[in-house]
Amino acid sequence: MKKILIAPSILSADFGKLNEEIASVERYADLIHCDVMDGCFVPNITFGNEVIKCIKSSKPLDVHLMIANPEKHIEAFAKANSKIKMISFHIEATKQPKKVIKEIKDFGIKAGIAIKPKTPLKRILPFLDRLDFVLIMTVEPGFGGQKFMQSVLPKIKELRELRELAPELDIEVDGGINAETAKLAVRAGANVLVSGSYIFGAKDKKKAIENLRNLEAPGNAVKKC
């Protein structure tokens, strides 16, 4: 089974001291997750490539584009920070997914497609062999602190069972992830856990991340590789 990766989402961090917040978790994390929202594809607005330029992190950046027409913005984000190693875009936000995937990969960055909770998995199946990961939203995208939607679990399981189409595929989940919901997501087949308010809202951020890492302990669904 694939190793579990923990990706704290800076959506729940204090933007007034963003690099300090990142420094408080990066020692214990695998990735730093950056949720980019444009106020068009989703109702909320967060930040863009100019803020990402200012991020200082020792860990890879995982950029989740919740923006309309991502094909117009890949170059700007790919060049924003040398620590960007993953970029995902929403299948619902573009009519040119193959183009977007190619543009991301041309910059030497891992490419992923994100899907909303109600989007059927069949929308992304034609592109699986081109992808490094799929990000399955377990809340409706737009705001942090929402409740995990268990109705998405069968979609995660179905995707993981498609091993013959994409044997090395990472499955990332984002939305309402805490120690309890993470167990459900991992058992269904997810191996990259994005968590915002659970980590950044904790008095002990290290402990919060360790609670997610404990899913790798013997007896759980995913064993450490």
C-alpha atoms as a PDB file:
ATOM      1  CA  MET A   1       0.000   0.000   0.000  1.00  0.00           C
ATOM      2  CA  LYS A   2       1.082   3.568  -0.597  1.00  0.00           C
ATOM      3  CA  LYS A   3       2.525   5.627   2.225  1.00  0.00           C
ATOM      4  CA  ILE A   4       0.217   8.164   3.844  1.00  0.00           C
ATOM      5  CA  LEU A   5       1.253  11.773   3.258  1.00  0.00           C
ATOM      6  CA  ILE A   6       0.071  14.635   5.456  1.00  0.00           C
ATOM      7  CA  ALA A   7      -0.590  18.024   3.849  1.00  0.00           C
ATOM      8  CA  PRO A   8      -1.583  20.858   6.231  1.00  0.00           C
ATOM      9  CA  SER A   9      -3.775  23.361   4.393  1.00  0.00           C
ATOM     10  CA  ILE A  10      -2.792  26.988   4.888  1.00  0.00           C
ATOM     11  CA  LEU A  11      -6.423  27.970   4.243  1.00  0.00           C
ATOM     12  CA  SER A  12      -6.837  27.616   8.016  1.00  0.00           C
ATOM     13  CA  ALA A  13      -3.594  29.382   8.921  1.00  0.00           C
ATOM     14  CA  ASP A  14      -3.244  32.964  10.144  1.00  0.00           C
ATOM     15  CA  PHE A  15      -2.368  34.824   6.938  1.00  0.00           C
ATOM     16  CA  GLY A  16      -0.961  37.692   8.997  1.00  0.00           C
ATOM     17  CA  LYS A  17       1.946  35.446   9.982  1.00  0.00           C
ATOM     18  CA  LEU A  18       1.795  32.865   7.223  1.00  0.00           C
ATOM     19  CA  ASN A  19       5.433  31.771   7.108  1.00  0.00           C
ATOM     20  CA  GLU A  20       5.494  31.493  10.886  1.00  0.00           C
ATOM     21  CA  GLU A  21       2.400  29.277  10.735  1.00  0.00           C
ATOM     22  CA  ILE A  22       3.985  27.120   8.034  1.00  0.00           C
ATOM     23  CA  ALA A  23       7.156  26.804  10.093  1.00  0.00           C
ATOM     24  CA  SER A  24       5.088  25.506  13.010  1.00  0.00           C
ATOM     25  CA  VAL A  25       3.937  22.446  11.010  1.00  0.00           C
ATOM     26  CA  GLU A  26       6.384  21.754   8.201  1.00  0.00           C
ATOM     27  CA  ARG A  27       8.792  19.748  10.345  1.00  0.00           C
ATOM     28  CA  TYR A  28       6.073  17.145  10.877  1.00  0.00           C
ATOM     29  CA  ALA A  29       4.313  17.356   7.484  1.00  0.00           C
ATOM     30  CA  ASP A  30       5.073  15.947   4.032  1.00  0.00           C
ATOM     31  CA  LEU A  31       3.524  18.729   1.947  1.00  0.00           C
ATOM     32  CA  ILE A  32       2.120  22.220   2.398  1.00  0.00           C
ATOM     33  CA  HIS A  33      -1.291  22.523   0.745  1.00  0.00           C
ATOM     34  CA  CYS A  34      -2.213  25.861  -0.870  1.00  0.00           C
ATOM     35  CA  ASP A  35      -5.882  26.426  -1.731  1.00  0.00           C
ATOM     36  CA  VAL A  36      -6.221  29.051  -4.457  1.00  0.00           C
ATOM     37  CA  MET A  37      -9.785  30.405  -4.855  1.00  0.00           C
ATOM     38  CA  ASP A  38     -10.888  33.055  -7.321  1.00  0.00           C
ATOM     39  CA  GLY A  39     -14.380  34.031  -6.160  1.00  0.00           C
ATOM     40  CA  CYS A  40     -15.705  32.810  -9.513  1.00  0.00           C
ATOM     41  CA  PHE A  41     -15.375  29.027  -9.674  1.00  0.00           C
ATOM     42  CA  VAL A  42     -15.977  29.000  -5.922  1.00  0.00           C
ATOM     43  CA  PRO A  43     -17.649  31.734  -3.836  1.00  0.00           C
ATOM     44  CA  ASN A  44     -14.620  32.453  -1.671  1.00  0.00           C
ATOM     45  CA  ILE A  45     -11.426  34.378  -2.517  1.00  0.00           C
ATOM     46  CA  THR A  46      -8.136  33.399  -0.893  1.00  0.00           C
ATOM     47  CA  PHE A  47      -4.842  34.276  -2.588  1.00  0.00           C
ATOM     48  CA  GLY A  48      -2.985  33.964  -5.874  1.00  0.00           C
ATOM     49  CA  ASN A  49       0.488  33.382  -7.220  1.00  0.00           C
ATOM     50  CA  GLU A  50       1.880  36.570  -5.647  1.00  0.00           C
ATOM     51  CA  VAL A  51       1.255  35.206  -2.152  1.00  0.00           C
ATOM     52  CA  ILE A  52       2.657  31.815  -3.119  1.00  0.00           C
ATOM     53  CA  LYS A  53       5.836  33.590  -4.242  1.00  0.00           C
ATOM     54  CA  CYS A  54       6.298  34.757  -0.656  1.00  0.00           C
ATOM     55  CA  ILE A  55       5.926  31.336   0.945  1.00  0.00           C
ATOM     56  CA  LYS A  56       9.107  30.009   2.505  1.00  0.00           C
ATOM     57  CA  SER A  57       8.992  26.307   3.209  1.00  0.00           C
ATOM     58  CA  SER A  58      11.377  23.390   3.406  1.00  0.00           C
ATOM     59  CA  LYS A  59       8.594  21.086   2.208  1.00  0.00           C
ATOM     60  CA  PRO A  60       7.059  20.742  -1.270  1.00  0.00           C
ATOM     61  CA  LEU A  61       4.070  22.925  -2.054  1.00  0.00           C
ATOM     62  CA  ASP A  62       0.858  21.269  -3.218  1.00  0.00           C
ATOM     63  CA  VAL A  63      -1.195  23.888  -5.084  1.00  0.00           C
ATOM     64  CA  HIS A  64      -4.928  23.282  -5.477  1.00  0.00           C
ATOM     65  CA  LEU A  65      -6.419  25.601  -8.095  1.00  0.00           C
ATOM     66  CA  MET A  66     -10.090  26.271  -7.436  1.00  0.00           C
ATOM     67  CA  ILE A  67     -10.268  28.752 -10.289  1.00  0.00           C
ATOM     68  CA  ALA A  68     -12.141  29.130 -13.570  1.00  0.00           C
ATOM     69  CA  ASN A  69     -10.226  28.479 -16.800  1.00  0.00           C
ATOM     70  CA  PRO A  70      -7.020  27.206 -15.169  1.00  0.00           C
ATOM     71  CA  GLU A  71      -5.386  26.858 -18.588  1.00  0.00           C
ATOM     72  CA  LYS A  72      -4.878  30.639 -18.534  1.00  0.00           C
ATOM     73  CA  HIS A  73      -2.898  30.608 -15.289  1.00  0.00           C
ATOM     74  CA  ILE A  74      -0.709  27.492 -15.126  1.00  0.00           C
ATOM     75  CA  GLU A  75       2.500  29.253 -16.152  1.00  0.00           C
ATOM     76  CA  ALA A  76       2.076  31.993 -13.532  1.00  0.00           C
ATOM     77  CA  PHE A  77       1.581  29.484 -10.739  1.00  0.00           C
ATOM     78  CA  ALA A  78       4.235  27.035 -11.940  1.00  0.00           C
ATOM     79  CA  LYS A  79       6.825  29.818 -11.903  1.00  0.00           C
ATOM     80  CA  ALA A  80       5.652  31.377  -8.632  1.00  0.00           C
ATOM     81  CA  ASN A  81       7.759  29.252  -6.294  1.00  0.00           C
ATOM     82  CA  SER A  82      10.470  26.649  -6.904  1.00  0.00           C
ATOM     83  CA  LYS A  83       8.986  24.516  -4.096  1.00  0.00           C
ATOM     84  CA  ILE A  84       5.794  23.845  -6.057  1.00  0.00           C
ATOM     85  CA  LYS A  85       5.847  20.127  -6.828  1.00  0.00           C
ATOM     86  CA  MET A  86       2.120  19.401  -7.309  1.00  0.00           C
ATOM     87  CA  ILE A  87      -0.661  21.335  -9.037  1.00  0.00           C
ATOM     88  CA  SER A  88      -4.279  20.210  -9.270  1.00  0.00           C
ATOM     89  CA  PHE A  89      -7.143  21.819 -11.158  1.00  0.00           C
ATOM     90  CA  HIS A  90     -10.855  21.106 -11.254  1.00  0.00           C
ATOM     91  CA  ILE A  91     -12.330  19.059 -14.077  1.00  0.00           C
ATOM     92  CA  GLU A  92     -15.465  21.181 -13.727  1.00  0.00           C
ATOM     93  CA  ALA A  93     -13.505  24.403 -14.380  1.00  0.00           C
ATOM     94  CA  THR A  94     -12.082  23.763 -17.835  1.00  0.00           C
ATOM     95  CA  LYS A  95     -12.949  22.410 -21.267  1.00  0.00           C
ATOM     96  CA  GLN A  96      -9.289  21.663 -21.965  1.00  0.00           C
ATOM     97  CA  PRO A  97      -8.124  19.175 -19.315  1.00  0.00           C
ATOM     98  CA  LYS A  98      -5.538  17.508 -21.561  1.00  0.00           C
ATOM     99  CA  LYS A  99      -3.960  20.886 -22.285  1.00  0.00           C
ATOM    100  CA  VAL A 100      -3.824  21.791 -18.598  1.00  0.00           C
ATOM    101  CA  ILE A 101      -2.260  18.451 -17.657  1.00  0.00           C
ATOM    102  CA  LYS A 102       0.391  18.851 -20.350  1.00  0.00           C
ATOM    103  CA  GLU A 103       1.183  22.415 -19.293  1.00  0.00           C
ATOM    104  CA  ILE A 104       1.690  21.359 -15.675  1.00  0.00           C
ATOM    105  CA  LYS A 105       3.904  18.434 -16.635  1.00  0.00           C
ATOM    106  CA  ASP A 106       5.932  20.583 -19.041  1.00  0.00           C
ATOM    107  CA  PHE A 107       7.127  22.493 -15.982  1.00  0.00           C
ATOM    108  CA  GLY A 108       8.264  19.258 -14.334  1.00  0.00           C
ATOM    109  CA  ILE A 109       5.430  19.394 -11.791  1.00  0.00           C
ATOM    110  CA  LYS A 110       3.095  16.546 -10.828  1.00  0.00           C
ATOM    111  CA  ALA A 111      -0.361  17.006 -12.340  1.00  0.00           C
ATOM    112  CA  GLY A 112      -3.650  16.221 -10.636  1.00  0.00           C
ATOM    113  CA  ILE A 113      -7.336  16.622 -11.308  1.00  0.00           C
ATOM    114  CA  ALA A 114      -9.696  17.637  -8.508  1.00  0.00           C
ATOM    115  CA  ILE A 115     -13.389  16.762  -8.451  1.00  0.00           C
ATOM    116  CA  LYS A 116     -16.291  18.049  -6.404  1.00  0.00           C
ATOM    117  CA  PRO A 117     -18.323  15.663  -4.228  1.00  0.00           C
ATOM    118  CA  LYS A 118     -21.177  15.389  -6.728  1.00  0.00           C
ATOM    119  CA  THR A 119     -19.028  15.037  -9.844  1.00  0.00           C
ATOM    120  CA  PRO A 120     -19.093  11.439 -11.137  1.00  0.00           C
ATOM    121  CA  LEU A 121     -15.791   9.629 -11.345  1.00  0.00           C
ATOM    122  CA  LYS A 122     -16.367   8.859 -15.025  1.00  0.00           C
ATOM    123  CA  ARG A 123     -15.592  12.509 -15.833  1.00  0.00           C
ATOM    124  CA  ILE A 124     -11.888  11.936 -15.108  1.00  0.00           C
ATOM    125  CA  LEU A 125     -11.392   8.333 -16.222  1.00  0.00           C
ATOM    126  CA  PRO A 126     -10.182   9.276 -19.733  1.00  0.00           C
ATOM    127  CA  PHE A 127      -7.277  11.180 -18.174  1.00  0.00           C
ATOM    128  CA  LEU A 128      -6.141   8.785 -15.440  1.00  0.00           C
ATOM    129  CA  ASP A 129      -3.145   7.473 -17.369  1.00  0.00           C
ATOM    130  CA  ARG A 130      -1.821  11.052 -17.656  1.00  0.00           C
ATOM    131  CA  LEU A 131      -2.230  11.951 -13.984  1.00  0.00           C
ATOM    132  CA  ASP A 132       0.035  11.665 -10.961  1.00  0.00           C
ATOM    133  CA  PHE A 133      -2.794  12.125  -8.481  1.00  0.00           C
ATOM    134  CA  VAL A 134      -6.498  12.794  -8.088  1.00  0.00           C
ATOM    135  CA  LEU A 135      -7.863  15.144  -5.439  1.00  0.00           C
ATOM    136  CA  ILE A 136     -11.327  14.120  -4.266  1.00  0.00           C
ATOM    137  CA  MET A 137     -13.172  16.845  -2.395  1.00  0.00           C
ATOM    138  CA  THR A 138     -14.933  15.561   0.707  1.00  0.00           C
ATOM    139  CA  VAL A 139     -16.729  18.898   1.171  1.00  0.00           C
ATOM    140  CA  GLU A 140     -18.106  21.403  -1.309  1.00  0.00           C
ATOM    141  CA  PRO A 141     -15.100  23.561  -2.247  1.00  0.00           C
ATOM    142  CA  GLY A 142     -14.962  27.165  -1.113  1.00  0.00           C
ATOM    143  CA  PHE A 143     -14.638  27.352   2.654  1.00  0.00           C
ATOM    144  CA  GLY A 144     -12.660  25.621   5.379  1.00  0.00           C
ATOM    145  CA  GLY A 145     -14.093  24.031   8.504  1.00  0.00           C
ATOM    146  CA  GLN A 146     -16.882  22.099   6.766  1.00  0.00           C
ATOM    147  CA  LYS A 147     -18.157  18.672   7.775  1.00  0.00           C
ATOM    148  CA  PHE A 148     -16.735  15.607   6.020  1.00  0.00           C
ATOM    149  CA  MET A 149     -19.174  14.070   3.517  1.00  0.00           C
ATOM    150  CA  GLN A 150     -19.215  10.286   3.981  1.00  0.00           C
ATOM    151  CA  SER A 151     -21.212   9.974   0.770  1.00  0.00           C
ATOM    152  CA  VAL A 152     -17.917  10.487  -1.114  1.00  0.00           C
ATOM    153  CA  LEU A 153     -16.270   7.362   0.337  1.00  0.00           C
ATOM    154  CA  PRO A 154     -17.553   4.974  -2.380  1.00  0.00           C
ATOM    155  CA  LYS A 155     -15.960   7.228  -5.004  1.00  0.00           C
ATOM    156  CA  ILE A 156     -12.580   6.986  -3.263  1.00  0.00           C
ATOM    157  CA  LYS A 157     -12.887   3.211  -3.067  1.00  0.00           C
ATOM    158  CA  GLU A 158     -13.917   2.921  -6.714  1.00  0.00           C
ATOM    159  CA  LEU A 159     -10.942   4.990  -7.821  1.00  0.00           C
ATOM    160  CA  ARG A 160      -8.459   2.971  -5.769  1.00  0.00           C
ATOM    161  CA  GLU A 161      -9.817  -0.227  -7.282  1.00  0.00           C
ATOM    162  CA  LEU A 162      -8.883   1.027 -10.763  1.00  0.00           C
ATOM    163  CA  ARG A 163      -5.270  -0.001 -10.182  1.00  0.00           C
ATOM    164  CA  GLU A 164      -4.854  -1.377 -13.686  1.00  0.00           C
ATOM    165  CA  LEU A 165      -5.506   2.086 -15.167  1.00  0.00           C
ATOM    166  CA  ALA A 166      -3.218   3.995 -12.824  1.00  0.00           C
ATOM    167  CA  PRO A 167      -1.178   1.732 -10.524  1.00  0.00           C
ATOM    168  CA  GLU A 168       0.963   4.565  -9.104  1.00  0.00           C
ATOM    169  CA  LEU A 169      -1.856   7.056  -8.640  1.00  0.00           C
ATOM    170  CA  ASP A 170      -2.007   9.023  -5.393  1.00  0.00           C
ATOM    171  CA  ILE A 171      -5.493   9.717  -4.058  1.00  0.00           C
ATOM    172  CA  GLU A 172      -5.734  12.952  -2.113  1.00  0.00           C
ATOM    173  CA  VAL A 173      -8.728  13.935   0.013  1.00  0.00           C
ATOM    174  CA  ASP A 174      -9.553  17.460   1.121  1.00  0.00           C
ATOM    175  CA  GLY A 175     -12.331  18.629   3.412  1.00  0.00           C
ATOM    176  CA  GLY A 176     -13.289  17.912   7.020  1.00  0.00           C
ATOM    177  CA  ILE A 177     -10.267  15.696   7.622  1.00  0.00           C
ATOM    178  CA  ASN A 178      -9.519  14.896  11.262  1.00  0.00           C
ATOM    179  CA  ALA A 179      -8.326  11.799  13.131  1.00  0.00           C
ATOM    180  CA  GLU A 180     -11.714  10.085  12.772  1.00  0.00           C
ATOM    181  CA  THR A 181     -12.649  10.990   9.207  1.00  0.00           C
ATOM    182  CA  ALA A 182      -9.107  10.293   8.042  1.00  0.00           C
ATOM    183  CA  LYS A 183      -9.572   6.656   9.088  1.00  0.00           C
ATOM    184  CA  LEU A 184     -12.609   6.401   6.831  1.00  0.00           C
ATOM    185  CA  ALA A 185     -10.797   8.003   3.904  1.00  0.00           C
ATOM    186  CA  VAL A 186      -7.717   5.805   4.277  1.00  0.00           C
ATOM    187  CA  ARG A 187      -9.790   2.639   4.549  1.00  0.00           C
ATOM    188  CA  ALA A 188     -11.501   3.656   1.317  1.00  0.00           C
ATOM    189  CA  GLY A 189      -8.125   4.052  -0.408  1.00  0.00           C
ATOM    190  CA  ALA A 190      -6.876   7.621   0.090  1.00  0.00           C
ATOM    191  CA  ASN A 191      -3.201   8.132   0.884  1.00  0.00           C
ATOM    192  CA  VAL A 192      -2.738  11.933   0.856  1.00  0.00           C
ATOM    193  CA  LEU A 193      -4.609  13.706   3.648  1.00  0.00           C
ATOM    194  CA  VAL A 194      -5.226  17.448   3.446  1.00  0.00           C
ATOM    195  CA  SER A 195      -6.196  18.898   6.803  1.00  0.00           C
ATOM    196  CA  GLY A 196      -6.655  22.552   7.677  1.00  0.00           C
ATOM    197  CA  SER A 197      -8.627  23.526  10.756  1.00  0.00           C
ATOM    198  CA  TYR A 198      -7.882  20.237  12.534  1.00  0.00           C
ATOM    199  CA  ILE A 199      -4.147  20.967  12.373  1.00  0.00           C
ATOM    200  CA  PHE A 200      -3.923  24.756  12.508  1.00  0.00           C
ATOM    201  CA  GLY A 201      -6.707  24.995  15.086  1.00  0.00           C
ATOM    202  CA  ALA A 202      -4.991  22.548  17.433  1.00  0.00           C
ATOM    203  CA  LYS A 203      -3.130  23.672  20.541  1.00  0.00           C
ATOM    204  CA  ASP A 204      -0.545  21.007  19.714  1.00  0.00           C
ATOM    205  CA  LYS A 205      -0.086  20.917  15.940  1.00  0.00           C
ATOM    206  CA  LYS A 206       2.557  18.218  16.129  1.00  0.00           C
ATOM    207  CA  LYS A 207       0.161  15.957  18.037  1.00  0.00           C
ATOM    208  CA  ALA A 208      -2.624  16.637  15.547  1.00  0.00           C
ATOM    209  CA  ILE A 209      -0.386  15.528  12.688  1.00  0.00           C
ATOM    210  CA  GLU A 210       0.768  12.500  14.684  1.00  0.00           C
ATOM    211  CA  ASN A 211      -2.882  11.527  15.138  1.00  0.00           C
ATOM    212  CA  LEU A 212      -3.153  11.318  11.362  1.00  0.00           C
ATOM    213  CA  ARG A 213       0.153   9.484  11.049  1.00  0.00           C
ATOM    214  CA  ASN A 214      -1.041   6.868  13.541  1.00  0.00           C
ATOM    215  CA  LEU A 215      -3.186   5.507  10.724  1.00  0.00           C
ATOM    216  CA  GLU A 216       0.020   3.886   9.502  1.00  0.00           C
ATOM    217  CA  ALA A 217       0.364   1.838  12.672  1.00  0.00           C
ATOM    218  CA  PRO A 218      -0.005  -1.969  12.472  1.00  0.00           C
ATOM    219  CA  GLY A 219      -3.609  -3.050  12.351  1.00  0.00           C
ATOM    220  CA  ASN A 220      -4.831  -0.122  10.266  1.00  0.00           C
ATOM    221  CA  ALA A 221      -5.752  -0.219   6.603  1.00  0.00           C
ATOM    222  CA  VAL A 222      -2.524   1.239   5.212  1.00  0.00           C
ATOM    223  CA  LYS A 223       0.909  -0.055   6.168  1.00  0.00           C
ATOM    224  CA  LYS A 224       4.046   2.024   5.946  1.00  0.00           C
ATOM    225  CA  CYS A 225       6.127   1.250   2.860  1.00  0.00           C
END
